[in-house]
Structures are given as C-alpha cells and as structure tokens.
C-alpha cells in the first residue's frame, strides 16, 4: 500500500472510532448546536476527517492501542494544527459547505480564543512554540474501562519525558479530567464556551451555563 493510501486508511479507521467515542461529548454538541440534533451524527465524522487530514499534513503522529481500541492524534513540538497553508489541501475550506461556516468559526476561532490565553499562562514563549499537544484521544465505545487510554497516556508522557518538553491538552468531560489528573496533568484553568446559548451538555438553551473544558499540562 502506498504511503498516501496507508495514511488515508488510518484516518478512516481513527475517524470511525473517535466519531463514535465523542458522539455525546458536550464540546461537539456545542459546535453543532444550531443544527438539528439528528444531523450531528453524520457531521461529526466529516469534521473529524478534515481535522485528521489537516493534522497529517502538519507532521502529526497517529497513535492506537490494542487494535484501535484507543486512538489518538499527537502533535509533536513545532507542529501547527492551525497552519493556514494546508487548510485547503485538508478539505477544510470546502468543508465549510458541509459543516457550515458557524461550526467552522466555533471550531477554529472561538475555541482557540478561549484556550490560547491559558496556554500562554502555563508556558514560556519557547514552550508555546515547541511542546507536545494531544490534539485528540479517545477509547472505542465497547473498549472502555480496560486501561487502554492510560496505556496511551503513558506512552505520550514517556515521549515527552525523553524530549524534556511539556505536554498540553484540553479535557472536555469530567471523566477525561479525572483520567488526565491521575497521570500527572495539572489543570491550568477552565474555559466556558456557549454561555447563554447552550446547556452543560452543549444543547441549545437560552440562558444556559455553556460547556466547560479544562486546559491541562504535564511537565517533568
């Protein structure tokens, strides 16, 4: 299999796992909250496939444990998931017509504007440019509570430890917050998205509290 075909196949496999794993995640409900709930299930894989194609064009590492029981996308130091030069090649710009401009804006602008101040708070200027970033990780729905996510986190931490660089990630649920905390990640701060527009589950509710994500880092 040619390299491009291998990458495409890998993206398809992790998209299938992670789209199911994040189907009820409040963050992604918020991204699509202006659309009928019945459409979310079809749109999430399309969004993820664009994400992962974009990451692959910017030196990401695709990780999996035990036959794709747990999957992750890891950005090594110096890689930039937001590189504007690869958005078109990744299909994210044409994807505007699929996921809609409002979803695109929330995913690429509103989310980042909340997270970036936390990253600047935690890291030095050098670390801001050169840290490990867990862009996404999740466990297949039928494989949870088997220690697979912990195995992946140990591998990520080992890489960062050898490299002597910090790791950054965002927890989107309290379960993931507890998992990352157990593995030595510290919470830098909370970001609330969609306040006044959605409830804690990311579903439309006027005056709702919004969804909370936790910005976290690990360092030696």
N, C-alpha and C. Protein backbone atom coordinates (compact mmCIF):
# COMPACT_ATOMS: atom_id res chain seq x y z
N UNK A 1 0.85 -1.19 0.00
CA UNK A 1 0.00 0.00 0.00
C UNK A 1 0.89 1.25 0.00
N UNK A 2 0.62 2.18 -0.87
CA UNK A 2 1.38 3.41 -0.91
C UNK A 2 1.16 4.21 0.35
N UNK A 3 2.14 5.10 0.65
CA UNK A 3 2.09 5.85 1.89
C UNK A 3 0.80 6.67 2.02
N UNK A 4 0.42 7.37 0.94
CA UNK A 4 -0.80 8.19 1.00
C UNK A 4 -2.03 7.34 1.23
N UNK A 5 -2.06 6.15 0.63
CA UNK A 5 -3.19 5.25 0.83
C UNK A 5 -3.20 4.72 2.26
N UNK A 6 -2.01 4.46 2.80
CA UNK A 6 -1.92 3.99 4.19
C UNK A 6 -2.45 5.06 5.14
N UNK A 7 -2.04 6.31 4.93
CA UNK A 7 -2.50 7.40 5.79
C UNK A 7 -4.01 7.58 5.68
N UNK A 8 -4.52 7.52 4.46
CA UNK A 8 -5.97 7.67 4.26
C UNK A 8 -6.73 6.56 4.98
N UNK A 9 -6.21 5.33 4.90
CA UNK A 9 -6.86 4.21 5.58
C UNK A 9 -6.81 4.41 7.09
N UNK A 10 -5.67 4.88 7.59
CA UNK A 10 -5.53 5.11 9.03
C UNK A 10 -6.50 6.18 9.49
N UNK A 11 -6.62 7.25 8.70
CA UNK A 11 -7.54 8.33 9.05
C UNK A 11 -8.97 7.81 9.09
N UNK A 12 -9.33 6.97 8.14
CA UNK A 12 -10.67 6.40 8.13
C UNK A 12 -10.93 5.59 9.41
N UNK A 13 -9.94 4.82 9.83
CA UNK A 13 -10.13 3.96 10.99
C UNK A 13 -10.24 4.76 12.29
N UNK A 14 -9.38 5.76 12.46
CA UNK A 14 -9.47 6.52 13.71
C UNK A 14 -10.70 7.44 13.69
N UNK A 15 -11.11 7.87 12.50
CA UNK A 15 -12.34 8.67 12.42
C UNK A 15 -13.53 7.87 12.89
N UNK A 16 -13.60 6.63 12.48
CA UNK A 16 -14.72 5.77 12.88
C UNK A 16 -14.75 5.60 14.40
N UNK A 17 -13.59 5.35 15.00
CA UNK A 17 -13.53 5.13 16.45
C UNK A 17 -13.85 6.41 17.21
N UNK A 18 -13.19 7.51 16.83
CA UNK A 18 -13.32 8.73 17.61
C UNK A 18 -14.66 9.43 17.40
N UNK A 19 -15.23 9.32 16.21
CA UNK A 19 -16.55 9.92 15.99
C UNK A 19 -17.60 9.26 16.88
N UNK A 20 -17.50 7.96 17.08
CA UNK A 20 -18.41 7.28 17.99
C UNK A 20 -18.10 7.63 19.45
N UNK A 21 -16.80 7.71 19.77
CA UNK A 21 -16.40 7.99 21.14
C UNK A 21 -16.86 9.37 21.60
N UNK A 22 -16.88 10.34 20.67
CA UNK A 22 -17.22 11.73 21.01
C UNK A 22 -18.65 12.11 20.62
N UNK A 23 -19.47 11.13 20.30
CA UNK A 23 -20.81 11.41 19.81
C UNK A 23 -21.63 12.23 20.81
N UNK A 24 -21.46 11.97 22.09
CA UNK A 24 -22.23 12.68 23.12
C UNK A 24 -21.39 13.70 23.88
N UNK A 25 -20.24 14.04 23.34
CA UNK A 25 -19.36 14.97 24.03
C UNK A 25 -19.94 16.38 23.97
N UNK A 26 -20.00 17.09 25.11
CA UNK A 26 -20.59 18.43 25.12
C UNK A 26 -19.93 19.41 24.17
N UNK A 27 -18.61 19.31 24.01
CA UNK A 27 -17.91 20.25 23.12
C UNK A 27 -18.44 20.18 21.70
N UNK A 28 -18.63 18.97 21.21
CA UNK A 28 -19.05 18.82 19.82
C UNK A 28 -20.54 19.08 19.65
N UNK A 29 -21.31 18.85 20.71
CA UNK A 29 -22.71 19.27 20.67
C UNK A 29 -22.79 20.79 20.54
N UNK A 30 -21.91 21.49 21.25
CA UNK A 30 -21.86 22.96 21.14
C UNK A 30 -21.49 23.40 19.73
N UNK A 31 -20.52 22.73 19.12
CA UNK A 31 -20.11 23.11 17.77
C UNK A 31 -21.27 23.06 16.79
N UNK A 32 -22.17 22.09 16.96
CA UNK A 32 -23.27 21.88 16.03
C UNK A 32 -24.62 22.33 16.58
N UNK A 33 -24.63 23.09 17.67
CA UNK A 33 -25.88 23.30 18.39
C UNK A 33 -26.95 24.04 17.58
N UNK A 34 -26.54 24.75 16.53
CA UNK A 34 -27.52 25.48 15.72
C UNK A 34 -28.23 24.57 14.72
N UNK A 35 -27.78 23.32 14.63
CA UNK A 35 -28.34 22.36 13.68
C UNK A 35 -29.21 21.33 14.40
N UNK A 36 -30.15 20.72 13.69
CA UNK A 36 -30.97 19.68 14.32
C UNK A 36 -30.11 18.55 14.88
N UNK A 37 -30.46 18.04 16.04
CA UNK A 37 -29.67 17.01 16.70
C UNK A 37 -29.48 15.79 15.82
N UNK A 38 -30.46 15.48 14.99
CA UNK A 38 -30.37 14.30 14.13
C UNK A 38 -29.24 14.40 13.11
N UNK A 39 -28.77 15.63 12.82
CA UNK A 39 -27.70 15.81 11.85
C UNK A 39 -26.31 15.67 12.45
N UNK A 40 -26.20 15.73 13.78
CA UNK A 40 -24.89 15.72 14.42
C UNK A 40 -24.11 14.45 14.11
N UNK A 41 -24.80 13.32 14.15
CA UNK A 41 -24.13 12.03 13.96
C UNK A 41 -23.45 11.93 12.60
N UNK A 42 -24.05 12.51 11.57
CA UNK A 42 -23.47 12.46 10.23
C UNK A 42 -22.35 13.49 10.05
N UNK A 43 -22.46 14.62 10.74
CA UNK A 43 -21.50 15.70 10.54
C UNK A 43 -20.19 15.48 11.31
N UNK A 44 -20.26 14.81 12.45
CA UNK A 44 -19.06 14.65 13.27
C UNK A 44 -17.94 13.91 12.53
N UNK A 45 -18.20 12.78 11.85
CA UNK A 45 -17.12 12.12 11.11
C UNK A 45 -16.54 13.01 10.01
N UNK A 46 -17.37 13.82 9.38
CA UNK A 46 -16.86 14.71 8.34
C UNK A 46 -15.93 15.76 8.92
N UNK A 47 -16.30 16.30 10.08
CA UNK A 47 -15.43 17.26 10.75
C UNK A 47 -14.12 16.60 11.17
N UNK A 48 -14.20 15.42 11.76
CA UNK A 48 -13.01 14.73 12.23
C UNK A 48 -12.08 14.35 11.08
N UNK A 49 -12.65 13.90 9.98
CA UNK A 49 -11.81 13.53 8.83
C UNK A 49 -11.02 14.75 8.34
N UNK A 50 -11.65 15.92 8.33
CA UNK A 50 -10.94 17.13 7.96
C UNK A 50 -9.86 17.48 8.97
N UNK A 51 -10.18 17.36 10.25
CA UNK A 51 -9.20 17.59 11.32
C UNK A 51 -7.97 16.71 11.11
N UNK A 52 -8.21 15.42 10.91
CA UNK A 52 -7.10 14.47 10.88
C UNK A 52 -6.28 14.60 9.60
N UNK A 53 -6.93 14.95 8.50
CA UNK A 53 -6.19 15.22 7.27
C UNK A 53 -5.30 16.44 7.48
N UNK A 54 -5.86 17.49 8.09
CA UNK A 54 -5.08 18.69 8.39
C UNK A 54 -3.89 18.36 9.29
N UNK A 55 -4.13 17.55 10.30
CA UNK A 55 -3.03 17.21 11.21
C UNK A 55 -1.97 16.38 10.50
N UNK A 56 -2.38 15.48 9.60
CA UNK A 56 -1.41 14.64 8.89
C UNK A 56 -0.51 15.47 7.97
N UNK A 57 -1.02 16.58 7.48
CA UNK A 57 -0.23 17.47 6.63
C UNK A 57 0.72 18.34 7.44
N UNK A 58 0.60 18.24 8.75
CA UNK A 58 1.44 19.06 9.64
C UNK A 58 2.17 18.21 10.67
N UNK A 59 2.60 17.02 10.20
CA UNK A 59 3.52 16.16 10.97
C UNK A 59 2.93 15.54 12.23
N UNK A 60 1.63 15.31 12.24
CA UNK A 60 1.03 14.67 13.41
C UNK A 60 1.46 13.21 13.51
N UNK A 61 1.28 12.66 14.69
CA UNK A 61 1.50 11.25 14.93
C UNK A 61 0.15 10.62 15.27
N UNK A 62 -0.25 9.59 14.53
CA UNK A 62 -1.47 8.87 14.83
C UNK A 62 -1.11 7.68 15.71
N UNK A 63 -1.77 7.59 16.86
CA UNK A 63 -1.48 6.54 17.82
C UNK A 63 -2.68 5.62 17.98
N UNK A 64 -2.41 4.36 18.25
CA UNK A 64 -3.50 3.44 18.57
C UNK A 64 -2.99 2.38 19.52
N UNK A 65 -3.91 1.86 20.33
CA UNK A 65 -3.59 0.82 21.31
C UNK A 65 -4.52 -0.36 21.10
N UNK A 66 -3.92 -1.53 21.03
CA UNK A 66 -4.68 -2.79 21.01
C UNK A 66 -5.72 -2.83 19.89
N UNK A 67 -5.24 -2.72 18.65
CA UNK A 67 -6.14 -2.84 17.51
C UNK A 67 -7.18 -1.74 17.43
N UNK A 68 -6.75 -0.50 17.65
CA UNK A 68 -7.63 0.68 17.59
C UNK A 68 -8.67 0.68 18.71
N UNK A 69 -8.32 0.03 19.81
CA UNK A 69 -9.20 0.11 20.98
C UNK A 69 -9.20 1.51 21.58
N UNK A 70 -8.06 2.18 21.45
CA UNK A 70 -7.93 3.59 21.84
C UNK A 70 -7.11 4.26 20.75
N UNK A 71 -7.52 5.44 20.34
CA UNK A 71 -6.85 6.16 19.26
C UNK A 71 -6.50 7.57 19.70
N UNK A 72 -5.43 8.11 19.12
CA UNK A 72 -5.06 9.47 19.46
C UNK A 72 -4.34 10.16 18.32
N UNK A 73 -4.38 11.48 18.37
CA UNK A 73 -3.65 12.31 17.41
C UNK A 73 -2.73 13.21 18.22
N UNK A 74 -1.44 13.04 18.04
CA UNK A 74 -0.43 13.75 18.83
C UNK A 74 0.37 14.66 17.91
N UNK A 75 0.43 15.94 18.28
CA UNK A 75 1.22 16.91 17.52
C UNK A 75 2.56 17.08 18.21
N UNK A 76 3.67 16.77 17.53
CA UNK A 76 4.98 16.91 18.16
C UNK A 76 5.42 18.36 18.25
N UNK A 77 6.47 18.63 19.01
CA UNK A 77 6.95 20.01 19.14
C UNK A 77 7.21 20.67 17.79
N UNK A 78 6.72 21.89 17.65
CA UNK A 78 6.92 22.64 16.42
C UNK A 78 5.84 22.47 15.38
N UNK A 79 5.00 21.43 15.51
CA UNK A 79 3.92 21.21 14.55
C UNK A 79 2.76 22.15 14.85
N UNK A 80 2.05 22.55 13.81
CA UNK A 80 0.97 23.53 13.99
C UNK A 80 -0.30 23.04 13.32
N UNK A 81 -1.26 22.60 14.11
CA UNK A 81 -2.52 22.10 13.57
C UNK A 81 -3.30 23.19 12.85
N UNK A 82 -3.02 24.46 13.17
CA UNK A 82 -3.78 25.57 12.58
C UNK A 82 -3.09 26.17 11.35
N UNK A 83 -2.08 25.50 10.84
CA UNK A 83 -1.35 26.01 9.68
C UNK A 83 -2.31 26.37 8.54
N UNK A 84 -2.47 27.65 8.20
CA UNK A 84 -3.45 28.04 7.18
C UNK A 84 -3.09 27.56 5.78
N UNK A 85 -1.82 27.26 5.55
CA UNK A 85 -1.38 26.86 4.21
C UNK A 85 -1.88 25.47 3.82
N UNK A 86 -2.29 24.67 4.81
CA UNK A 86 -2.73 23.31 4.50
C UNK A 86 -4.24 23.13 4.65
N UNK A 87 -4.95 24.18 5.01
CA UNK A 87 -6.40 24.05 5.19
C UNK A 87 -7.10 23.61 3.91
N UNK A 88 -6.69 24.17 2.78
CA UNK A 88 -7.34 23.83 1.52
C UNK A 88 -7.04 22.38 1.14
N UNK A 89 -5.78 21.97 1.29
CA UNK A 89 -5.39 20.59 0.96
C UNK A 89 -6.11 19.59 1.86
N UNK A 90 -6.40 20.01 3.08
CA UNK A 90 -7.07 19.11 4.03
C UNK A 90 -8.56 19.00 3.75
N UNK A 91 -9.08 19.87 2.89
CA UNK A 91 -10.50 19.84 2.57
C UNK A 91 -11.36 20.58 3.56
N UNK A 92 -10.72 21.34 4.48
CA UNK A 92 -11.50 22.02 5.50
C UNK A 92 -12.20 23.27 4.96
N UNK A 93 -11.60 23.92 3.98
CA UNK A 93 -12.26 25.09 3.40
C UNK A 93 -13.49 24.67 2.60
N UNK A 94 -13.36 23.70 1.67
CA UNK A 94 -14.58 23.19 1.02
C UNK A 94 -15.57 22.60 2.01
N UNK A 95 -15.01 22.10 3.14
CA UNK A 95 -15.88 21.52 4.16
C UNK A 95 -16.82 22.51 4.80
N UNK A 96 -16.56 23.80 4.58
CA UNK A 96 -17.48 24.82 5.06
C UNK A 96 -18.91 24.56 4.57
N UNK A 97 -19.00 24.03 3.35
CA UNK A 97 -20.31 23.80 2.77
C UNK A 97 -20.97 22.56 3.36
N UNK A 98 -20.17 21.76 4.09
CA UNK A 98 -20.70 20.55 4.73
C UNK A 98 -21.04 20.81 6.19
N UNK A 99 -20.05 21.33 6.94
CA UNK A 99 -20.28 21.55 8.37
C UNK A 99 -20.85 22.93 8.64
N UNK A 100 -20.76 23.84 7.66
CA UNK A 100 -21.33 25.18 7.82
C UNK A 100 -20.34 26.17 8.39
N UNK A 101 -20.44 27.43 8.01
CA UNK A 101 -19.49 28.45 8.47
C UNK A 101 -19.54 28.69 9.96
N UNK A 102 -20.71 28.53 10.58
CA UNK A 102 -20.78 28.77 12.02
C UNK A 102 -20.02 27.71 12.81
N UNK A 103 -20.13 26.45 12.37
CA UNK A 103 -19.36 25.39 13.02
C UNK A 103 -17.88 25.62 12.81
N UNK A 104 -17.50 25.99 11.60
CA UNK A 104 -16.09 26.25 11.28
C UNK A 104 -15.54 27.36 12.17
N UNK A 105 -16.30 28.43 12.33
CA UNK A 105 -15.86 29.56 13.16
C UNK A 105 -15.68 29.12 14.61
N UNK A 106 -16.63 28.37 15.14
CA UNK A 106 -16.51 27.92 16.53
C UNK A 106 -15.28 27.03 16.71
N UNK A 107 -15.09 26.11 15.76
CA UNK A 107 -14.01 25.14 15.88
C UNK A 107 -12.63 25.77 15.75
N UNK A 108 -12.49 26.71 14.84
CA UNK A 108 -11.16 27.23 14.54
C UNK A 108 -10.87 28.61 15.13
N UNK A 109 -11.86 29.32 15.59
CA UNK A 109 -11.63 30.66 16.12
C UNK A 109 -12.12 30.80 17.56
N UNK A 110 -13.40 30.50 17.81
CA UNK A 110 -13.94 30.68 19.16
C UNK A 110 -13.22 29.76 20.16
N UNK A 111 -13.01 28.53 19.77
CA UNK A 111 -12.34 27.58 20.66
C UNK A 111 -10.92 28.06 20.99
N UNK A 112 -10.18 28.41 19.94
CA UNK A 112 -8.80 28.84 20.15
C UNK A 112 -8.68 30.10 20.97
N UNK A 113 -9.62 31.03 20.79
CA UNK A 113 -9.54 32.29 21.54
C UNK A 113 -9.74 32.08 23.03
N UNK A 114 -10.42 30.96 23.40
CA UNK A 114 -10.57 30.64 24.80
C UNK A 114 -9.37 29.90 25.37
N UNK A 115 -8.78 29.03 24.56
CA UNK A 115 -7.70 28.16 25.03
C UNK A 115 -6.35 28.87 25.04
N UNK A 116 -6.07 29.67 24.03
CA UNK A 116 -4.73 30.23 23.88
C UNK A 116 -4.27 31.06 25.08
N UNK A 117 -5.13 31.88 25.72
CA UNK A 117 -4.65 32.59 26.91
C UNK A 117 -4.19 31.66 28.02
N UNK A 118 -4.83 30.50 28.14
CA UNK A 118 -4.42 29.53 29.15
C UNK A 118 -3.05 28.95 28.82
N UNK A 119 -2.83 28.66 27.54
CA UNK A 119 -1.54 28.13 27.12
C UNK A 119 -0.44 29.14 27.37
N UNK A 120 -0.70 30.41 27.07
CA UNK A 120 0.28 31.47 27.32
C UNK A 120 0.56 31.62 28.82
N UNK A 121 -0.44 31.37 29.62
CA UNK A 121 -0.28 31.45 31.08
C UNK A 121 0.64 30.34 31.59
N UNK A 122 0.53 29.14 31.00
CA UNK A 122 1.25 27.98 31.51
C UNK A 122 2.67 27.86 30.98
N UNK A 123 2.90 28.31 29.74
CA UNK A 123 4.16 28.04 29.07
C UNK A 123 5.00 29.29 28.86
N UNK A 124 6.31 29.10 28.82
CA UNK A 124 7.21 30.16 28.40
C UNK A 124 7.02 30.40 26.90
N UNK A 125 7.59 31.47 26.38
CA UNK A 125 7.48 31.75 24.94
C UNK A 125 8.06 30.62 24.12
N UNK A 126 9.16 30.05 24.59
CA UNK A 126 9.77 28.94 23.87
C UNK A 126 8.86 27.72 23.90
N UNK A 127 8.28 27.43 25.07
CA UNK A 127 7.40 26.27 25.19
C UNK A 127 6.13 26.43 24.37
N UNK A 128 5.65 27.66 24.22
CA UNK A 128 4.46 27.90 23.41
C UNK A 128 4.68 27.47 21.96
N UNK A 129 5.91 27.56 21.49
CA UNK A 129 6.23 27.19 20.11
C UNK A 129 6.65 25.74 19.99
N UNK A 130 7.03 25.13 21.10
CA UNK A 130 7.63 23.80 21.00
C UNK A 130 7.23 22.93 22.19
N UNK A 131 6.01 22.40 22.11
CA UNK A 131 5.52 21.48 23.14
C UNK A 131 4.76 20.35 22.45
N UNK A 132 4.54 19.28 23.16
CA UNK A 132 3.71 18.20 22.66
C UNK A 132 2.24 18.57 22.90
N UNK A 133 1.40 18.26 21.91
CA UNK A 133 -0.02 18.60 22.04
C UNK A 133 -0.87 17.38 21.72
N UNK A 134 -1.65 16.94 22.70
CA UNK A 134 -2.60 15.84 22.46
C UNK A 134 -3.84 16.47 21.83
N UNK A 135 -3.87 16.46 20.52
CA UNK A 135 -4.98 17.10 19.81
C UNK A 135 -6.29 16.39 20.10
N UNK A 136 -6.24 15.07 20.14
CA UNK A 136 -7.45 14.30 20.45
C UNK A 136 -7.07 12.88 20.82
N UNK A 137 -7.79 12.31 21.75
CA UNK A 137 -7.65 10.88 22.03
C UNK A 137 -8.96 10.38 22.63
N UNK A 138 -9.26 9.14 22.36
CA UNK A 138 -10.50 8.57 22.87
C UNK A 138 -10.50 7.06 22.73
N UNK A 139 -11.34 6.43 23.51
CA UNK A 139 -11.43 4.97 23.53
C UNK A 139 -12.69 4.51 22.83
N UNK A 140 -12.57 3.45 22.05
CA UNK A 140 -13.74 2.88 21.37
C UNK A 140 -14.84 2.58 22.38
N UNK A 141 -16.06 2.81 21.98
CA UNK A 141 -17.20 2.70 22.91
C UNK A 141 -17.23 1.35 23.62
N UNK A 142 -16.94 0.29 22.92
CA UNK A 142 -17.01 -1.04 23.52
C UNK A 142 -15.74 -1.48 24.22
N UNK A 143 -14.74 -0.59 24.31
CA UNK A 143 -13.45 -0.98 24.90
C UNK A 143 -13.09 -0.15 26.13
N UNK A 144 -14.03 0.55 26.68
CA UNK A 144 -13.74 1.41 27.81
C UNK A 144 -13.51 0.60 29.10
N UNK A 145 -12.85 1.24 30.05
CA UNK A 145 -12.55 0.64 31.36
C UNK A 145 -11.61 -0.55 31.24
N UNK A 146 -10.75 -0.55 30.21
CA UNK A 146 -9.77 -1.62 30.04
C UNK A 146 -8.34 -1.12 30.17
N UNK A 147 -8.15 0.14 30.53
CA UNK A 147 -6.81 0.68 30.72
C UNK A 147 -6.12 1.11 29.44
N UNK A 148 -6.86 1.16 28.33
CA UNK A 148 -6.23 1.49 27.05
C UNK A 148 -5.81 2.95 26.98
N UNK A 149 -6.66 3.85 27.46
CA UNK A 149 -6.31 5.27 27.45
C UNK A 149 -5.10 5.53 28.36
N UNK A 150 -5.04 4.85 29.48
CA UNK A 150 -3.89 5.00 30.37
C UNK A 150 -2.61 4.54 29.69
N UNK A 151 -2.69 3.45 28.94
CA UNK A 151 -1.52 2.96 28.22
C UNK A 151 -1.05 4.00 27.19
N UNK A 152 -2.00 4.63 26.51
CA UNK A 152 -1.62 5.64 25.53
C UNK A 152 -1.00 6.86 26.22
N UNK A 153 -1.58 7.28 27.32
CA UNK A 153 -1.03 8.42 28.04
C UNK A 153 0.38 8.14 28.55
N UNK A 154 0.62 6.94 29.03
CA UNK A 154 1.97 6.60 29.49
C UNK A 154 2.97 6.70 28.35
N UNK A 155 2.56 6.27 27.17
CA UNK A 155 3.45 6.36 26.01
C UNK A 155 3.74 7.83 25.66
N UNK A 156 2.70 8.65 25.68
CA UNK A 156 2.87 10.08 25.38
C UNK A 156 3.79 10.74 26.40
N UNK A 157 3.57 10.44 27.67
CA UNK A 157 4.39 11.03 28.72
C UNK A 157 5.85 10.57 28.60
N UNK A 158 6.05 9.31 28.24
CA UNK A 158 7.41 8.81 28.04
C UNK A 158 8.11 9.57 26.92
N UNK A 159 7.40 9.82 25.83
CA UNK A 159 7.99 10.58 24.72
C UNK A 159 8.39 11.98 25.19
N UNK A 160 7.47 12.63 25.89
CA UNK A 160 7.73 13.99 26.35
C UNK A 160 8.85 14.03 27.38
N UNK A 161 8.90 13.01 28.24
CA UNK A 161 9.96 12.95 29.23
C UNK A 161 11.33 12.81 28.60
N UNK A 162 11.43 11.96 27.58
CA UNK A 162 12.70 11.80 26.88
C UNK A 162 13.10 13.08 26.17
N UNK A 163 12.09 13.79 25.68
CA UNK A 163 12.31 15.02 24.94
C UNK A 163 12.49 16.23 25.85
N UNK A 164 12.14 16.05 27.13
CA UNK A 164 12.22 17.13 28.13
C UNK A 164 11.39 18.34 27.73
N UNK A 165 10.19 18.05 27.21
CA UNK A 165 9.26 19.11 26.83
C UNK A 165 7.90 18.84 27.46
N UNK A 166 7.12 19.89 27.71
CA UNK A 166 5.80 19.70 28.32
C UNK A 166 4.77 19.17 27.33
N UNK A 167 3.64 18.72 27.88
CA UNK A 167 2.51 18.24 27.08
C UNK A 167 1.30 19.09 27.41
N UNK A 168 0.54 19.43 26.37
CA UNK A 168 -0.68 20.22 26.53
C UNK A 168 -1.87 19.44 26.00
N UNK A 169 -3.00 19.58 26.67
CA UNK A 169 -4.25 19.02 26.17
C UNK A 169 -5.43 19.74 26.80
N UNK A 170 -6.61 19.47 26.26
CA UNK A 170 -7.84 20.00 26.83
C UNK A 170 -8.79 18.84 27.13
N UNK A 171 -9.23 18.76 28.38
CA UNK A 171 -10.23 17.76 28.77
C UNK A 171 -11.61 18.33 28.52
N UNK A 172 -12.47 17.54 27.90
CA UNK A 172 -13.81 18.03 27.55
C UNK A 172 -14.92 17.43 28.40
N UNK A 173 -14.57 16.49 29.27
CA UNK A 173 -15.55 15.91 30.20
C UNK A 173 -14.88 15.72 31.55
N UNK A 174 -15.70 15.56 32.58
CA UNK A 174 -15.13 15.32 33.91
C UNK A 174 -14.44 13.97 33.99
N UNK A 175 -14.91 12.99 33.22
CA UNK A 175 -14.25 11.69 33.21
C UNK A 175 -12.83 11.81 32.65
N UNK A 176 -12.69 12.54 31.54
CA UNK A 176 -11.35 12.71 30.97
C UNK A 176 -10.48 13.57 31.87
N UNK A 177 -11.09 14.54 32.54
CA UNK A 177 -10.35 15.37 33.51
C UNK A 177 -9.74 14.49 34.60
N UNK A 178 -10.54 13.57 35.13
CA UNK A 178 -10.03 12.68 36.18
C UNK A 178 -8.93 11.77 35.64
N UNK A 179 -9.09 11.28 34.42
CA UNK A 179 -8.06 10.42 33.81
C UNK A 179 -6.74 11.15 33.69
N UNK A 180 -6.78 12.34 33.13
CA UNK A 180 -5.54 13.09 32.92
C UNK A 180 -4.91 13.49 34.25
N UNK A 181 -5.72 13.84 35.22
CA UNK A 181 -5.20 14.21 36.54
C UNK A 181 -4.47 13.03 37.17
N UNK A 182 -5.01 11.83 37.01
CA UNK A 182 -4.35 10.64 37.57
C UNK A 182 -2.97 10.42 36.97
N UNK A 183 -2.77 10.89 35.75
CA UNK A 183 -1.49 10.70 35.07
C UNK A 183 -0.58 11.92 35.18
N UNK A 184 -0.86 12.79 36.13
CA UNK A 184 0.06 13.86 36.43
C UNK A 184 -0.17 15.17 35.71
N UNK A 185 -1.27 15.30 34.96
CA UNK A 185 -1.58 16.57 34.31
C UNK A 185 -2.18 17.52 35.33
N UNK A 186 -1.81 18.78 35.24
CA UNK A 186 -2.32 19.81 36.13
C UNK A 186 -3.28 20.71 35.37
N UNK A 187 -4.36 21.10 36.02
CA UNK A 187 -5.34 21.99 35.40
C UNK A 187 -4.83 23.43 35.48
N UNK A 188 -4.74 24.07 34.32
CA UNK A 188 -4.29 25.46 34.25
C UNK A 188 -5.48 26.41 34.42
N UNK A 189 -6.61 26.03 33.89
CA UNK A 189 -7.80 26.85 34.02
C UNK A 189 -8.96 26.26 33.24
N UNK A 190 -10.13 26.83 33.46
CA UNK A 190 -11.34 26.38 32.78
C UNK A 190 -11.75 27.41 31.73
N UNK A 191 -12.31 26.91 30.63
CA UNK A 191 -12.85 27.77 29.57
C UNK A 191 -14.31 27.39 29.38
N UNK A 192 -15.19 28.36 29.37
CA UNK A 192 -16.61 28.12 29.16
C UNK A 192 -16.98 28.60 27.75
N UNK A 193 -17.61 27.72 27.00
CA UNK A 193 -18.00 28.01 25.62
C UNK A 193 -19.52 27.97 25.48
N UNK A 194 -20.06 28.92 24.75
CA UNK A 194 -21.51 28.92 24.52
C UNK A 194 -22.34 29.37 25.69
N UNK A 195 -21.76 30.14 26.61
CA UNK A 195 -22.53 30.60 27.76
C UNK A 195 -23.70 31.47 27.31
N UNK A 196 -24.87 31.18 27.86
CA UNK A 196 -26.08 31.91 27.50
C UNK A 196 -26.79 31.34 26.29
N UNK A 197 -26.16 30.35 25.64
CA UNK A 197 -26.71 29.80 24.40
C UNK A 197 -27.00 28.31 24.52
N UNK A 198 -26.12 27.57 25.25
CA UNK A 198 -26.29 26.12 25.38
C UNK A 198 -26.22 25.72 26.85
N UNK A 199 -26.72 24.50 27.12
CA UNK A 199 -26.62 23.96 28.47
C UNK A 199 -25.28 23.26 28.65
N UNK A 200 -25.08 22.60 29.79
CA UNK A 200 -23.81 21.96 30.09
C UNK A 200 -23.50 20.80 29.16
N UNK A 201 -24.54 20.26 28.51
CA UNK A 201 -24.35 19.17 27.55
C UNK A 201 -24.11 19.68 26.14
N UNK A 202 -24.11 21.01 25.96
CA UNK A 202 -23.87 21.59 24.64
C UNK A 202 -25.10 21.74 23.79
N UNK A 203 -26.27 21.47 24.36
CA UNK A 203 -27.51 21.55 23.60
C UNK A 203 -28.16 22.93 23.78
N UNK A 204 -28.91 23.39 22.79
CA UNK A 204 -29.45 24.75 22.85
C UNK A 204 -30.31 25.00 24.09
N UNK A 205 -29.99 26.10 24.78
CA UNK A 205 -30.82 26.53 25.90
C UNK A 205 -30.53 28.00 26.18
N UNK A 206 -31.51 28.82 25.96
CA UNK A 206 -31.32 30.24 26.19
C UNK A 206 -31.00 30.48 27.66
N UNK A 207 -29.93 31.23 27.89
CA UNK A 207 -29.50 31.49 29.26
C UNK A 207 -28.73 30.35 29.90
N UNK A 208 -28.40 29.31 29.12
CA UNK A 208 -27.70 28.15 29.65
C UNK A 208 -26.28 28.47 30.12
N UNK A 209 -25.70 27.60 30.95
CA UNK A 209 -24.37 27.86 31.52
C UNK A 209 -23.22 27.66 30.54
N UNK A 210 -23.49 27.02 29.39
CA UNK A 210 -22.41 26.72 28.45
C UNK A 210 -21.67 25.45 28.83
N UNK A 211 -20.73 25.05 28.00
CA UNK A 211 -19.93 23.85 28.26
C UNK A 211 -18.56 24.25 28.78
N UNK A 212 -18.02 23.43 29.65
CA UNK A 212 -16.72 23.70 30.26
C UNK A 212 -15.68 22.75 29.72
N UNK A 213 -14.51 23.28 29.39
CA UNK A 213 -13.34 22.45 29.07
C UNK A 213 -12.23 22.86 30.03
N UNK A 214 -11.33 21.92 30.27
CA UNK A 214 -10.25 22.14 31.22
C UNK A 214 -8.92 22.09 30.48
N UNK A 215 -8.18 23.17 30.54
CA UNK A 215 -6.86 23.24 29.91
C UNK A 215 -5.84 22.67 30.88
N UNK A 216 -5.03 21.73 30.39
CA UNK A 216 -4.14 20.99 31.28
C UNK A 216 -2.75 20.84 30.68
N UNK A 217 -1.77 20.71 31.53
CA UNK A 217 -0.41 20.45 31.04
C UNK A 217 0.32 19.47 31.94
N UNK A 218 1.28 18.80 31.37
CA UNK A 218 2.17 17.90 32.09
C UNK A 218 3.59 18.36 31.83
N UNK A 219 4.40 18.32 32.85
CA UNK A 219 5.82 18.61 32.66
C UNK A 219 6.64 17.84 33.68
N UNK A 220 7.91 17.65 33.38
CA UNK A 220 8.82 16.95 34.30
C UNK A 220 8.94 17.74 35.61
